[in-house]
Amino acid sequence: MKTERSAGFIIFRNSSAGERLFLLLDYGSHWDYPKGHVEAGEDDLTAARRELVEESGITQVKLVPGFAQEISYIFRGRRGGLIQKSVVFFLAEVESDQITLSHEHVGFAWLNAQTASRRVSYANARSVLTAAIKHLDDGGPNLFDSPI
């Protein structure tokens, strides 16, 4: 089975009312976080930063230390073969709500935690959001942390 690796970010900002809002991108068929393939010579964080710029135009983030969560899944590729994919997500805060979407997306939304959890399309992506919220809320140990 072929393997692929991607990296991305759970991005949040605080609204003027002090509510934490999370960025989700509309891929046309599903809602997810900014992420993409790790290219040759890149580490996970470098790939995540590059993909964030490419997909959202965001260039400045404040990385939240101690959070990296990896998910894995199997899907059928365009040529019909199965692919084992792993994706590592980092957590970062931004100050601006300005987004410049790439051609890969049809929309975006800044959503509170509850709405973002309902909107994200896949259960494993929802679990990443849950872990990120827990990490932000209590700073306690994250059982899903993995080394960077």
Protein backbone atom coordinates (compact mmCIF):
# COMPACT_ATOMS: atom_id res chain seq x y z
CA MET A 1 0.00 0.00 0.00
CA LYS A 2 1.26 3.46 -0.90
CA THR A 3 1.78 5.94 1.94
CA GLU A 4 1.41 9.71 2.04
CA ARG A 5 2.15 12.31 4.70
CA SER A 6 0.53 15.71 5.15
CA ALA A 7 0.75 18.49 7.70
CA GLY A 8 -1.54 21.33 8.66
CA PHE A 9 -2.81 23.73 11.26
CA ILE A 10 -5.75 24.20 13.54
CA ILE A 11 -5.96 27.98 13.34
CA PHE A 12 -7.87 30.12 15.82
CA ARG A 13 -8.34 33.76 16.70
CA ASN A 14 -10.21 35.63 19.38
CA SER A 15 -13.21 37.66 18.30
CA SER A 16 -13.81 41.19 19.54
CA ALA A 17 -16.23 39.65 22.06
CA GLY A 18 -13.48 37.36 23.34
CA GLU A 19 -14.88 34.22 21.75
CA ARG A 20 -12.38 31.76 20.27
CA LEU A 21 -13.06 31.18 16.55
CA PHE A 22 -11.58 28.40 14.43
CA LEU A 23 -10.82 28.52 10.71
CA LEU A 24 -12.35 25.87 8.49
CA LEU A 25 -11.89 25.68 4.73
CA ASP A 26 -14.58 24.49 2.33
CA TYR A 27 -13.02 22.03 -0.12
CA GLY A 28 -16.29 21.79 -2.08
CA SER A 29 -17.05 18.28 -0.88
CA HIS A 30 -16.01 18.64 2.76
CA TRP A 31 -14.92 21.09 5.46
CA ASP A 32 -11.45 20.72 6.95
CA TYR A 33 -8.36 22.56 8.18
CA PRO A 34 -5.56 24.04 6.04
CA LYS A 35 -3.23 21.15 5.25
CA GLY A 36 -1.28 19.51 2.46
CA HIS A 37 1.47 17.13 1.43
CA VAL A 38 4.89 17.18 3.04
CA GLU A 39 7.31 17.69 0.16
CA ALA A 40 10.79 16.19 -0.15
CA GLY A 41 13.24 17.92 2.15
CA GLU A 42 10.54 19.45 4.37
CA ASP A 43 9.83 18.66 7.99
CA ASP A 44 6.22 18.57 9.17
CA LEU A 45 6.13 22.10 10.59
CA THR A 46 7.73 23.61 7.49
CA ALA A 47 5.16 21.85 5.30
CA ALA A 48 2.30 22.98 7.52
CA ARG A 49 3.47 26.61 7.34
CA ARG A 50 3.88 26.46 3.53
CA GLU A 51 0.44 24.92 3.08
CA LEU A 52 -1.13 27.52 5.38
CA VAL A 53 0.26 30.33 3.24
CA GLU A 54 -0.77 28.61 -0.01
CA GLU A 55 -4.30 27.75 1.11
CA SER A 56 -5.25 30.77 3.23
CA GLY A 57 -2.72 33.53 2.66
CA ILE A 58 -1.90 33.51 6.38
CA THR A 59 1.78 34.31 6.89
CA GLN A 60 1.95 35.23 10.58
CA VAL A 61 1.00 32.78 13.33
CA LYS A 62 1.76 32.29 16.99
CA LEU A 63 2.50 28.58 17.38
CA VAL A 64 0.95 27.07 20.51
CA PRO A 65 3.67 24.98 22.14
CA GLY A 66 3.14 21.37 23.11
CA PHE A 67 0.47 20.50 20.57
CA ALA A 68 0.95 18.16 17.63
CA GLN A 69 -1.67 15.57 16.86
CA GLU A 70 -1.49 12.95 14.16
CA ILE A 71 -4.33 11.09 12.50
CA SER A 72 -4.21 8.24 9.99
CA TYR A 73 -6.68 6.89 7.52
CA ILE A 74 -6.89 4.79 4.36
CA PHE A 75 -8.51 6.00 1.18
CA ARG A 76 -8.75 4.97 -2.45
CA GLY A 77 -6.56 7.08 -4.72
CA ARG A 78 -7.49 8.40 -8.15
CA ARG A 79 -5.89 5.38 -9.80
CA GLY A 80 -7.87 2.96 -7.64
CA GLY A 81 -5.14 1.84 -5.25
CA LEU A 82 -5.37 2.15 -1.50
CA ILE A 83 -3.33 4.85 0.22
CA GLN A 84 -2.38 5.00 3.90
CA LYS A 85 -2.31 8.69 4.83
CA SER A 86 -1.00 10.28 8.00
CA VAL A 87 -1.60 13.95 8.81
CA VAL A 88 -0.04 15.88 11.67
CA PHE A 89 -1.73 19.03 12.91
CA PHE A 90 -0.19 21.91 14.81
CA LEU A 91 -2.10 24.60 16.68
CA ALA A 92 -1.63 28.32 16.10
CA GLU A 93 -3.25 31.64 16.85
CA VAL A 94 -3.68 34.51 14.40
CA GLU A 95 -4.73 38.09 14.99
CA SER A 96 -6.36 38.87 11.66
CA ASP A 97 -9.44 37.30 10.14
CA GLN A 98 -8.24 38.08 6.60
CA ILE A 99 -8.08 35.04 4.30
CA THR A 100 -6.95 34.72 0.69
CA LEU A 101 -8.27 31.39 -0.55
CA SER A 102 -6.41 29.20 -2.99
CA HIS A 103 -8.07 27.71 -6.06
CA GLU A 104 -8.48 24.44 -4.08
CA HIS A 105 -11.27 25.89 -1.93
CA VAL A 106 -14.71 27.35 -2.47
CA GLY A 107 -15.07 29.10 0.88
CA PHE A 108 -14.04 29.45 4.47
CA ALA A 109 -15.58 30.21 7.85
CA TRP A 110 -14.48 31.41 11.28
CA LEU A 111 -16.59 29.37 13.70
CA ASN A 112 -16.88 28.97 17.44
CA ALA A 113 -15.82 25.60 18.85
CA GLN A 114 -19.29 24.06 18.93
CA THR A 115 -20.20 25.10 15.38
CA ALA A 116 -16.76 24.16 14.02
CA SER A 117 -17.09 20.71 15.59
CA ARG A 118 -20.43 20.20 13.85
CA ARG A 119 -19.19 21.61 10.52
CA VAL A 120 -15.92 19.67 10.13
CA SER A 121 -16.68 16.71 7.91
CA TYR A 122 -14.71 13.81 9.36
CA ALA A 123 -14.73 12.28 12.85
CA ASN A 124 -10.94 12.06 13.04
CA ALA A 125 -10.66 15.77 12.19
CA ARG A 126 -13.27 16.48 14.86
CA SER A 127 -11.10 14.63 17.40
CA VAL A 128 -8.17 16.91 16.52
CA LEU A 129 -10.32 19.96 17.22
CA THR A 130 -11.48 18.48 20.52
CA ALA A 131 -7.87 17.87 21.56
CA ALA A 132 -6.87 21.40 20.50
CA ILE A 133 -9.68 22.94 22.53
CA LYS A 134 -8.72 20.85 25.56
CA HIS A 135 -5.09 21.90 25.16
CA LEU A 136 -6.07 25.56 25.01
CA ASP A 137 -8.60 25.38 27.84
CA ASP A 138 -6.58 23.60 30.47
CA GLY A 139 -3.03 23.37 29.20
CA GLY A 140 -3.06 19.85 30.59
CA PRO A 141 -1.41 16.84 29.05
CA ASN A 142 -2.62 16.03 25.60
CA LEU A 143 -2.79 12.27 25.21
CA PHE A 144 -2.45 12.65 21.46
CA ASP A 145 0.74 14.73 21.52
CA SER A 146 3.47 13.46 19.26
CA PRO A 147 7.00 14.80 18.95
CA ILE A 148 7.68 17.41 16.30
